[in-house]
């Protein structure tokens, strides 16, 4: 909700806007204001740029995975990230991404193509991370999240194009442990995001169908509406 505001409004909301002081002040008031100036409240150490970029990165990861799972459903997208895609999508070609916003948009496109290396490279080199406290530990967690989400997008979008996928190959491609890959793919199988099965040793995955086609989606939607109509008639 904070990030729906402009940078100026965001700084004002978290108390970083400069307050104009009254000229006529008593000695006590002046001394108190001088004492306050020596203290920096914790919220004034937070960079507004860091808040905005962090929100965009996490919104991008969530929205790309959600749209991959349900490409034809009207899912609620992040307004901030949607506006970024709209602006960047209409920009003329101007070479590789230079600023943080361009890198986030480029990372979303790479993620949709299953290019985990480019996605990680774009997101790990954002300039806003220099304002991040305990940068290395936090970015390590973010990198793991990016790899897992790239795995989900790849399996859902392109998994059915392969006759089979080996656990070792997927773990190497997405730089994850075999246990993590097995757990994430099994979740997709259990919630029917993809239709497929592991072999007996759980080292080879066969995907029969990925996400629903538009025809399947329309049939499902029609079936739900007929069921809803018949329940009240």
C-alpha atoms as a PDB file:
ATOM      1  CA  UNK A   1       0.000   0.000   0.000  1.00  0.00           C
ATOM      2  CA  UNK A   2       2.897   2.361   0.748  1.00  0.00           C
ATOM      3  CA  UNK A   3       4.408   1.729  -2.674  1.00  0.00           C
ATOM      4  CA  UNK A   4       1.305   2.877  -4.500  1.00  0.00           C
ATOM      5  CA  UNK A   5       2.414   6.410  -3.572  1.00  0.00           C
ATOM      6  CA  UNK A   6       4.963   8.556  -5.364  1.00  0.00           C
ATOM      7  CA  UNK A   7       8.491   8.858  -4.016  1.00  0.00           C
ATOM      8  CA  UNK A   8       7.706  12.242  -2.437  1.00  0.00           C
ATOM      9  CA  UNK A   9       4.550  10.949  -0.741  1.00  0.00           C
ATOM     10  CA  UNK A  10       6.381   7.842   0.463  1.00  0.00           C
ATOM     11  CA  UNK A  11       9.098   9.911   2.137  1.00  0.00           C
ATOM     12  CA  UNK A  12       6.419  12.017   3.800  1.00  0.00           C
ATOM     13  CA  UNK A  13       4.541   8.956   5.082  1.00  0.00           C
ATOM     14  CA  UNK A  14       7.621   7.393   6.701  1.00  0.00           C
ATOM     15  CA  UNK A  15       8.622  10.720   8.256  1.00  0.00           C
ATOM     16  CA  UNK A  16      11.505  11.708   5.993  1.00  0.00           C
ATOM     17  CA  UNK A  17      10.046  14.991   4.772  1.00  0.00           C
ATOM     18  CA  UNK A  18      11.808  18.037   6.163  1.00  0.00           C
ATOM     19  CA  UNK A  19       9.638  19.930   8.641  1.00  0.00           C
ATOM     20  CA  UNK A  20       9.878  23.739   8.542  1.00  0.00           C
ATOM     21  CA  UNK A  21      10.610  25.113  12.008  1.00  0.00           C
ATOM     22  CA  UNK A  22       8.977  28.198  13.462  1.00  0.00           C
ATOM     23  CA  UNK A  23      11.316  31.187  13.575  1.00  0.00           C
ATOM     24  CA  UNK A  24      10.252  32.600  16.951  1.00  0.00           C
ATOM     25  CA  UNK A  25      11.211  30.001  19.558  1.00  0.00           C
ATOM     26  CA  UNK A  26      11.980  30.105  23.220  1.00  0.00           C
ATOM     27  CA  UNK A  27      15.375  28.984  24.511  1.00  0.00           C
ATOM     28  CA  UNK A  28      13.992  25.661  25.791  1.00  0.00           C
ATOM     29  CA  UNK A  29      12.246  24.865  22.492  1.00  0.00           C
ATOM     30  CA  UNK A  30      15.358  25.725  20.512  1.00  0.00           C
ATOM     31  CA  UNK A  31      17.528  23.538  22.740  1.00  0.00           C
ATOM     32  CA  UNK A  32      15.073  20.637  22.434  1.00  0.00           C
ATOM     33  CA  UNK A  33      15.042  20.913  18.640  1.00  0.00           C
ATOM     34  CA  UNK A  34      18.853  20.930  18.612  1.00  0.00           C
ATOM     35  CA  UNK A  35      18.870  17.771  20.736  1.00  0.00           C
ATOM     36  CA  UNK A  36      16.400  16.105  18.387  1.00  0.00           C
ATOM     37  CA  UNK A  37      18.576  16.932  15.392  1.00  0.00           C
ATOM     38  CA  UNK A  38      21.364  14.839  16.910  1.00  0.00           C
ATOM     39  CA  UNK A  39      19.135  11.747  16.842  1.00  0.00           C
ATOM     40  CA  UNK A  40      18.168   9.900  13.660  1.00  0.00           C
ATOM     41  CA  UNK A  41      14.891   7.947  14.018  1.00  0.00           C
ATOM     42  CA  UNK A  42      15.102   4.372  12.646  1.00  0.00           C
ATOM     43  CA  UNK A  43      12.507   5.041   9.950  1.00  0.00           C
ATOM     44  CA  UNK A  44      14.651   7.850   8.554  1.00  0.00           C
ATOM     45  CA  UNK A  45      17.418   5.348   7.829  1.00  0.00           C
ATOM     46  CA  UNK A  46      15.146   3.467   5.410  1.00  0.00           C
ATOM     47  CA  UNK A  47      15.660   4.444   1.789  1.00  0.00           C
ATOM     48  CA  UNK A  48      12.453   5.184  -0.098  1.00  0.00           C
ATOM     49  CA  UNK A  49      14.132   3.824  -3.251  1.00  0.00           C
ATOM     50  CA  UNK A  50      14.875   0.536  -1.461  1.00  0.00           C
ATOM     51  CA  UNK A  51      11.229   0.192  -0.379  1.00  0.00           C
ATOM     52  CA  UNK A  52      10.001   0.806  -3.928  1.00  0.00           C
ATOM     53  CA  UNK A  53      12.473  -1.563  -5.600  1.00  0.00           C
ATOM     54  CA  UNK A  54      11.884  -4.333  -3.032  1.00  0.00           C
ATOM     55  CA  UNK A  55       8.151  -4.086  -3.590  1.00  0.00           C
ATOM     56  CA  UNK A  56       8.567  -4.261  -7.365  1.00  0.00           C
ATOM     57  CA  UNK A  57      10.893  -7.294  -7.212  1.00  0.00           C
ATOM     58  CA  UNK A  58       8.611  -9.342  -4.952  1.00  0.00           C
ATOM     59  CA  UNK A  59       5.502  -8.276  -6.892  1.00  0.00           C
ATOM     60  CA  UNK A  60       7.208  -9.360 -10.122  1.00  0.00           C
ATOM     61  CA  UNK A  61       8.026 -12.821  -8.749  1.00  0.00           C
ATOM     62  CA  UNK A  62       4.510 -13.333  -7.389  1.00  0.00           C
ATOM     63  CA  UNK A  63       2.721 -12.038 -10.495  1.00  0.00           C
ATOM     64  CA  UNK A  64       4.792 -14.030 -12.999  1.00  0.00           C
ATOM     65  CA  UNK A  65       4.203 -17.310 -11.129  1.00  0.00           C
ATOM     66  CA  UNK A  66       0.480 -16.568 -10.670  1.00  0.00           C
ATOM     67  CA  UNK A  67      -0.015 -15.700 -14.342  1.00  0.00           C
ATOM     68  CA  UNK A  68       1.916 -18.787 -15.412  1.00  0.00           C
ATOM     69  CA  UNK A  69      -0.383 -20.991 -13.321  1.00  0.00           C
ATOM     70  CA  UNK A  70      -3.580 -19.266 -14.502  1.00  0.00           C
ATOM     71  CA  UNK A  71      -2.843 -17.308 -17.709  1.00  0.00           C
ATOM     72  CA  UNK A  72      -6.491 -16.814 -18.682  1.00  0.00           C
ATOM     73  CA  UNK A  73      -7.956 -15.943 -15.295  1.00  0.00           C
ATOM     74  CA  UNK A  74      -8.443 -12.382 -14.123  1.00  0.00           C
ATOM     75  CA  UNK A  75      -6.008 -12.485 -11.232  1.00  0.00           C
ATOM     76  CA  UNK A  76      -5.345  -9.459  -9.045  1.00  0.00           C
ATOM     77  CA  UNK A  77      -1.990  -8.069 -10.106  1.00  0.00           C
ATOM     78  CA  UNK A  78       0.205  -5.583  -8.307  1.00  0.00           C
ATOM     79  CA  UNK A  79      -0.789  -2.155  -9.599  1.00  0.00           C
ATOM     80  CA  UNK A  80       2.746  -0.852  -9.148  1.00  0.00           C
ATOM     81  CA  UNK A  81       4.312  -3.670 -11.189  1.00  0.00           C
ATOM     82  CA  UNK A  82       1.535  -3.538 -13.805  1.00  0.00           C
ATOM     83  CA  UNK A  83       2.230   0.177 -14.402  1.00  0.00           C
ATOM     84  CA  UNK A  84       5.950  -0.586 -14.724  1.00  0.00           C
ATOM     85  CA  UNK A  85       5.285  -3.243 -17.392  1.00  0.00           C
ATOM     86  CA  UNK A  86       2.977  -0.875 -19.237  1.00  0.00           C
ATOM     87  CA  UNK A  87       5.600   1.888 -19.323  1.00  0.00           C
ATOM     88  CA  UNK A  88       8.545  -0.343 -20.204  1.00  0.00           C
ATOM     89  CA  UNK A  89       6.564  -2.324 -22.779  1.00  0.00           C
ATOM     90  CA  UNK A  90       5.866   0.849 -24.768  1.00  0.00           C
ATOM     91  CA  UNK A  91       9.468   2.117 -24.609  1.00  0.00           C
ATOM     92  CA  UNK A  92      11.514   2.123 -27.847  1.00  0.00           C
ATOM     93  CA  UNK A  93      14.475  -0.254 -27.995  1.00  0.00           C
ATOM     94  CA  UNK A  94      17.482   1.373 -26.357  1.00  0.00           C
ATOM     95  CA  UNK A  95      19.996  -1.384 -25.651  1.00  0.00           C
ATOM     96  CA  UNK A  96      20.505  -3.423 -22.481  1.00  0.00           C
ATOM     97  CA  UNK A  97      18.747  -2.315 -19.257  1.00  0.00           C
ATOM     98  CA  UNK A  98      20.560   0.436 -17.387  1.00  0.00           C
ATOM     99  CA  UNK A  99      18.542   1.474 -14.312  1.00  0.00           C
ATOM    100  CA  UNK A 100      16.772  -0.635 -11.684  1.00  0.00           C
ATOM    101  CA  UNK A 101      13.292  -0.380 -13.221  1.00  0.00           C
ATOM    102  CA  UNK A 102      14.530  -1.586 -16.605  1.00  0.00           C
ATOM    103  CA  UNK A 103      16.390  -4.470 -14.955  1.00  0.00           C
ATOM    104  CA  UNK A 104      13.264  -5.603 -13.075  1.00  0.00           C
ATOM    105  CA  UNK A 105      11.229  -5.575 -16.297  1.00  0.00           C
ATOM    106  CA  UNK A 106      14.011  -7.446 -18.141  1.00  0.00           C
ATOM    107  CA  UNK A 107      14.134  -9.992 -15.287  1.00  0.00           C
ATOM    108  CA  UNK A 108      10.396 -10.641 -15.619  1.00  0.00           C
ATOM    109  CA  UNK A 109      10.762 -11.332 -19.351  1.00  0.00           C
ATOM    110  CA  UNK A 110      13.758 -13.619 -18.774  1.00  0.00           C
ATOM    111  CA  UNK A 111      11.841 -15.476 -16.068  1.00  0.00           C
ATOM    112  CA  UNK A 112       8.920 -16.135 -18.418  1.00  0.00           C
ATOM    113  CA  UNK A 113      11.382 -17.659 -20.912  1.00  0.00           C
ATOM    114  CA  UNK A 114      12.884 -19.948 -18.259  1.00  0.00           C
ATOM    115  CA  UNK A 115      16.246 -18.135 -18.325  1.00  0.00           C
ATOM    116  CA  UNK A 116      17.261 -18.427 -14.665  1.00  0.00           C
ATOM    117  CA  UNK A 117      20.825 -17.103 -15.160  1.00  0.00           C
ATOM    118  CA  UNK A 118      19.681 -13.787 -16.660  1.00  0.00           C
ATOM    119  CA  UNK A 119      16.901 -13.414 -14.089  1.00  0.00           C
ATOM    120  CA  UNK A 120      19.276 -13.871 -11.163  1.00  0.00           C
ATOM    121  CA  UNK A 121      21.907 -11.594 -12.742  1.00  0.00           C
ATOM    122  CA  UNK A 122      19.439  -8.734 -13.297  1.00  0.00           C
ATOM    123  CA  UNK A 123      17.949  -8.892  -9.799  1.00  0.00           C
ATOM    124  CA  UNK A 124      21.225  -9.353  -7.923  1.00  0.00           C
ATOM    125  CA  UNK A 125      22.832  -6.288  -9.552  1.00  0.00           C
ATOM    126  CA  UNK A 126      20.175  -3.712  -8.689  1.00  0.00           C
ATOM    127  CA  UNK A 127      21.670  -0.440  -7.427  1.00  0.00           C
ATOM    128  CA  UNK A 128      19.071  -0.144  -4.636  1.00  0.00           C
ATOM    129  CA  UNK A 129      20.616  -3.066  -2.735  1.00  0.00           C
ATOM    130  CA  UNK A 130      23.462  -0.795  -1.572  1.00  0.00           C
ATOM    131  CA  UNK A 131      20.985   0.668   0.958  1.00  0.00           C
ATOM    132  CA  UNK A 132      20.121  -2.796   2.288  1.00  0.00           C
ATOM    133  CA  UNK A 133      21.116  -3.768   5.820  1.00  0.00           C
ATOM    134  CA  UNK A 134      22.955  -7.118   6.044  1.00  0.00           C
ATOM    135  CA  UNK A 135      22.975  -7.222   2.267  1.00  0.00           C
ATOM    136  CA  UNK A 136      24.662 -10.600   1.701  1.00  0.00           C
ATOM    137  CA  UNK A 137      22.338 -12.645   3.908  1.00  0.00           C
ATOM    138  CA  UNK A 138      19.194 -11.015   2.510  1.00  0.00           C
ATOM    139  CA  UNK A 139      20.235 -11.335  -1.133  1.00  0.00           C
ATOM    140  CA  UNK A 140      21.061 -14.999  -0.580  1.00  0.00           C
ATOM    141  CA  UNK A 141      17.471 -15.606   0.539  1.00  0.00           C
ATOM    142  CA  UNK A 142      16.174 -13.615  -2.431  1.00  0.00           C
ATOM    143  CA  UNK A 143      18.344 -15.606  -4.848  1.00  0.00           C
ATOM    144  CA  UNK A 144      16.915 -18.896  -3.525  1.00  0.00           C
ATOM    145  CA  UNK A 145      13.388 -17.549  -3.976  1.00  0.00           C
ATOM    146  CA  UNK A 146      14.176 -16.472  -7.557  1.00  0.00           C
ATOM    147  CA  UNK A 147      15.584 -19.911  -8.452  1.00  0.00           C
ATOM    148  CA  UNK A 148      12.531 -21.699  -7.028  1.00  0.00           C
ATOM    149  CA  UNK A 149      10.087 -19.426  -8.878  1.00  0.00           C
ATOM    150  CA  UNK A 150      12.039 -19.824 -12.147  1.00  0.00           C
ATOM    151  CA  UNK A 151      11.822 -23.597 -11.705  1.00  0.00           C
ATOM    152  CA  UNK A 152       8.037 -23.402 -11.279  1.00  0.00           C
ATOM    153  CA  UNK A 153       7.605 -21.219 -14.370  1.00  0.00           C
ATOM    154  CA  UNK A 154       9.821 -23.472 -16.495  1.00  0.00           C
ATOM    155  CA  UNK A 155       8.116 -26.722 -15.442  1.00  0.00           C
ATOM    156  CA  UNK A 156       4.596 -25.326 -15.932  1.00  0.00           C
ATOM    157  CA  UNK A 157       5.310 -23.610 -19.269  1.00  0.00           C
ATOM    158  CA  UNK A 158       7.778 -25.934 -20.977  1.00  0.00           C
ATOM    159  CA  UNK A 159       7.665 -29.209 -19.048  1.00  0.00           C
ATOM    160  CA  UNK A 160       5.099 -30.866 -21.311  1.00  0.00           C
ATOM    161  CA  UNK A 161       7.349 -30.232 -24.335  1.00  0.00           C
ATOM    162  CA  UNK A 162       9.877 -32.771 -23.036  1.00  0.00           C
ATOM    163  CA  UNK A 163       9.426 -36.503 -23.102  1.00  0.00           C
ATOM    164  CA  UNK A 164      10.850 -36.548 -19.577  1.00  0.00           C
ATOM    165  CA  UNK A 165      12.932 -34.391 -17.221  1.00  0.00           C
ATOM    166  CA  UNK A 166      15.587 -35.805 -14.925  1.00  0.00           C
ATOM    167  CA  UNK A 167      15.907 -34.553 -11.359  1.00  0.00           C
ATOM    168  CA  UNK A 168      19.678 -34.132 -11.736  1.00  0.00           C
ATOM    169  CA  UNK A 169      19.305 -31.980 -14.855  1.00  0.00           C
ATOM    170  CA  UNK A 170      16.690 -29.700 -13.280  1.00  0.00           C
ATOM    171  CA  UNK A 171      18.785 -29.311 -10.107  1.00  0.00           C
ATOM    172  CA  UNK A 172      21.818 -28.343 -12.204  1.00  0.00           C
ATOM    173  CA  UNK A 173      19.912 -25.945 -14.440  1.00  0.00           C
ATOM    174  CA  UNK A 174      18.309 -24.012 -11.567  1.00  0.00           C
ATOM    175  CA  UNK A 175      21.226 -24.365  -9.111  1.00  0.00           C
ATOM    176  CA  UNK A 176      19.063 -26.025  -6.450  1.00  0.00           C
ATOM    177  CA  UNK A 177      19.422 -29.185  -4.433  1.00  0.00           C
ATOM    178  CA  UNK A 178      17.652 -32.305  -5.713  1.00  0.00           C
ATOM    179  CA  UNK A 179      15.505 -32.346  -2.576  1.00  0.00           C
ATOM    180  CA  UNK A 180      14.316 -28.778  -3.169  1.00  0.00           C
ATOM    181  CA  UNK A 181      13.473 -29.520  -6.821  1.00  0.00           C
ATOM    182  CA  UNK A 182      11.581 -32.685  -5.891  1.00  0.00           C
ATOM    183  CA  UNK A 183       9.599 -30.824  -3.198  1.00  0.00           C
ATOM    184  CA  UNK A 184       8.610 -27.892  -5.449  1.00  0.00           C
ATOM    185  CA  UNK A 185       7.605 -30.072  -8.410  1.00  0.00           C
ATOM    186  CA  UNK A 186       5.646 -32.436  -6.149  1.00  0.00           C
ATOM    187  CA  UNK A 187       3.641 -29.461  -4.855  1.00  0.00           C
ATOM    188  CA  UNK A 188       2.739 -28.518  -8.429  1.00  0.00           C
ATOM    189  CA  UNK A 189       1.610 -32.115  -9.043  1.00  0.00           C
ATOM    190  CA  UNK A 190      -0.452 -32.259  -5.846  1.00  0.00           C
ATOM    191  CA  UNK A 191      -2.388 -29.031  -6.483  1.00  0.00           C
ATOM    192  CA  UNK A 192      -3.024 -30.079 -10.121  1.00  0.00           C
ATOM    193  CA  UNK A 193      -1.103 -27.158 -11.578  1.00  0.00           C
ATOM    194  CA  UNK A 194       0.577 -29.716 -13.828  1.00  0.00           C
ATOM    195  CA  UNK A 195      -0.502 -33.255 -14.729  1.00  0.00           C
ATOM    196  CA  UNK A 196       2.297 -35.819 -14.615  1.00  0.00           C
ATOM    197  CA  UNK A 197       4.145 -38.300 -12.427  1.00  0.00           C
ATOM    198  CA  UNK A 198       7.553 -39.299 -11.048  1.00  0.00           C
ATOM    199  CA  UNK A 199       9.068 -42.657 -11.856  1.00  0.00           C
ATOM    200  CA  UNK A 200       9.460 -45.256  -9.126  1.00  0.00           C
ATOM    201  CA  UNK A 201      12.835 -43.925  -7.990  1.00  0.00           C
ATOM    202  CA  UNK A 202      11.574 -40.289  -8.148  1.00  0.00           C
ATOM    203  CA  UNK A 203      14.505 -39.276 -10.312  1.00  0.00           C
ATOM    204  CA  UNK A 204      12.681 -38.814 -13.620  1.00  0.00           C
ATOM    205  CA  UNK A 205       9.599 -36.625 -14.204  1.00  0.00           C
ATOM    206  CA  UNK A 206       7.051 -37.048 -16.991  1.00  0.00           C
ATOM    207  CA  UNK A 207       4.599 -34.178 -17.529  1.00  0.00           C
ATOM    208  CA  UNK A 208       1.498 -34.971 -19.557  1.00  0.00           C
ATOM    209  CA  UNK A 209       0.016 -31.485 -19.487  1.00  0.00           C
ATOM    210  CA  UNK A 210       1.061 -28.121 -18.138  1.00  0.00           C
ATOM    211  CA  UNK A 211      -1.272 -25.229 -17.540  1.00  0.00           C
ATOM    212  CA  UNK A 212      -4.782 -25.365 -19.007  1.00  0.00           C
ATOM    213  CA  UNK A 213      -5.317 -24.205 -22.567  1.00  0.00           C
ATOM    214  CA  UNK A 214      -7.778 -21.396 -23.294  1.00  0.00           C
ATOM    215  CA  UNK A 215     -10.379 -23.947 -24.448  1.00  0.00           C
ATOM    216  CA  UNK A 216     -10.076 -25.889 -21.174  1.00  0.00           C
ATOM    217  CA  UNK A 217     -10.345 -22.652 -19.218  1.00  0.00           C
ATOM    218  CA  UNK A 218     -13.518 -21.594 -21.059  1.00  0.00           C
ATOM    219  CA  UNK A 219     -15.080 -25.024 -20.543  1.00  0.00           C
ATOM    220  CA  UNK A 220     -14.270 -24.906 -16.826  1.00  0.00           C
ATOM    221  CA  UNK A 221     -15.669 -21.380 -16.487  1.00  0.00           C
ATOM    222  CA  UNK A 222     -18.844 -22.357 -18.375  1.00  0.00           C
ATOM    223  CA  UNK A 223     -19.265 -25.414 -16.163  1.00  0.00           C
ATOM    224  CA  UNK A 224     -18.948 -23.328 -12.999  1.00  0.00           C
ATOM    225  CA  UNK A 225     -21.504 -20.789 -14.238  1.00  0.00           C
ATOM    226  CA  UNK A 226     -23.998 -23.499 -15.202  1.00  0.00           C
ATOM    227  CA  UNK A 227     -23.535 -25.119 -11.799  1.00  0.00           C
ATOM    228  CA  UNK A 228     -24.052 -21.789 -10.041  1.00  0.00           C
ATOM    229  CA  UNK A 229     -27.160 -21.056 -12.157  1.00  0.00           C
ATOM    230  CA  UNK A 230     -28.716 -24.485 -11.539  1.00  0.00           C
ATOM    231  CA  UNK A 231     -28.123 -24.227  -7.777  1.00  0.00           C
ATOM    232  CA  UNK A 232     -30.525 -21.293  -7.556  1.00  0.00           C
ATOM    233  CA  UNK A 233     -33.017 -22.430 -10.225  1.00  0.00           C
END
